[in-house]
Amino acid sequence: MELTVKGMHCEGCVGAVRRFVAAAAPRAQVRVDLGSGRVSITGEAERQAVIAAIERAGYLVEGK
């Protein structure tokens, strides 16, 4: 799944998104591209759980 995430500004933000997604979907692999704001998740992950995790981390997911 591919998501566009707004509000990430630094590597600390990238780490926070990775940690929150990993907690919501421990079997998934997460790639975060800070420049484009794209988050790519492969493996076992429920879309709504991942979106909720990213929003709990304090970021906005576009086009939910």
Protein backbone atom coordinates (compact mmCIF):
# COMPACT_ATOMS: atom_id res chain seq x y z
CA MET A 1 0.00 0.00 0.00
CA GLU A 2 1.13 3.53 -0.74
CA LEU A 3 0.14 6.53 1.37
CA THR A 4 0.94 10.23 1.17
CA VAL A 5 1.73 11.66 4.58
CA LYS A 6 1.84 15.38 5.36
CA GLY A 7 3.76 17.00 8.19
CA MET A 8 7.04 15.03 8.08
CA HIS A 9 9.98 17.43 8.16
CA CYS A 10 13.02 15.48 9.37
CA GLU A 11 14.51 12.04 10.00
CA GLY A 12 12.93 12.10 13.46
CA CYS A 13 9.53 12.28 11.77
CA VAL A 14 10.47 9.38 9.51
CA GLY A 15 11.46 7.31 12.55
CA ALA A 16 8.22 8.13 14.33
CA VAL A 17 6.13 7.06 11.33
CA ARG A 18 8.11 3.81 11.04
CA ARG A 19 7.70 3.03 14.75
CA PHE A 20 3.96 3.72 14.82
CA VAL A 21 3.32 1.71 11.65
CA ALA A 22 5.48 -1.16 12.94
CA ALA A 23 3.43 -1.24 16.15
CA ALA A 24 0.17 -1.41 14.16
CA ALA A 25 1.45 -3.89 11.57
CA PRO A 26 4.44 -5.79 13.01
CA ARG A 27 4.74 -8.16 10.02
CA ALA A 28 4.83 -5.37 7.45
CA GLN A 29 7.86 -3.69 5.94
CA VAL A 30 7.79 0.10 5.91
CA ARG A 31 9.64 2.52 3.62
CA VAL A 32 9.35 6.25 4.12
CA ASP A 33 10.49 8.81 1.55
CA LEU A 34 10.82 12.11 3.36
CA GLY A 35 11.17 14.19 0.20
CA SER A 36 7.95 13.02 -1.41
CA GLY A 37 6.03 12.26 1.79
CA ARG A 38 5.31 8.76 0.51
CA VAL A 39 5.01 5.81 2.87
CA SER A 40 5.13 2.34 1.31
CA ILE A 41 3.95 -0.67 3.31
CA THR A 42 4.36 -4.23 2.08
CA GLY A 43 3.32 -7.43 3.80
CA GLU A 44 0.50 -7.98 6.25
CA ALA A 45 -1.11 -4.66 7.13
CA GLU A 46 -4.66 -3.43 7.43
CA ARG A 47 -5.01 -0.06 5.70
CA GLN A 48 -7.20 1.59 8.34
CA ALA A 49 -4.95 0.40 11.19
CA VAL A 50 -1.90 1.86 9.44
CA ILE A 51 -3.65 5.16 8.76
CA ALA A 52 -4.80 5.38 12.38
CA ALA A 53 -1.24 4.69 13.58
CA ILE A 54 0.22 7.44 11.39
CA GLU A 55 -2.41 9.89 12.60
CA ARG A 56 -1.69 8.93 16.25
CA ALA A 57 1.92 9.84 15.53
CA GLY A 58 0.68 13.34 14.66
CA TYR A 59 0.71 13.30 10.86
CA LEU A 60 -2.00 13.70 8.23
CA VAL A 61 -2.68 10.96 5.66
CA GLU A 62 -4.03 12.35 2.39
CA GLY A 63 -6.70 10.56 0.38
CA LYS A 64 -7.67 8.12 3.05
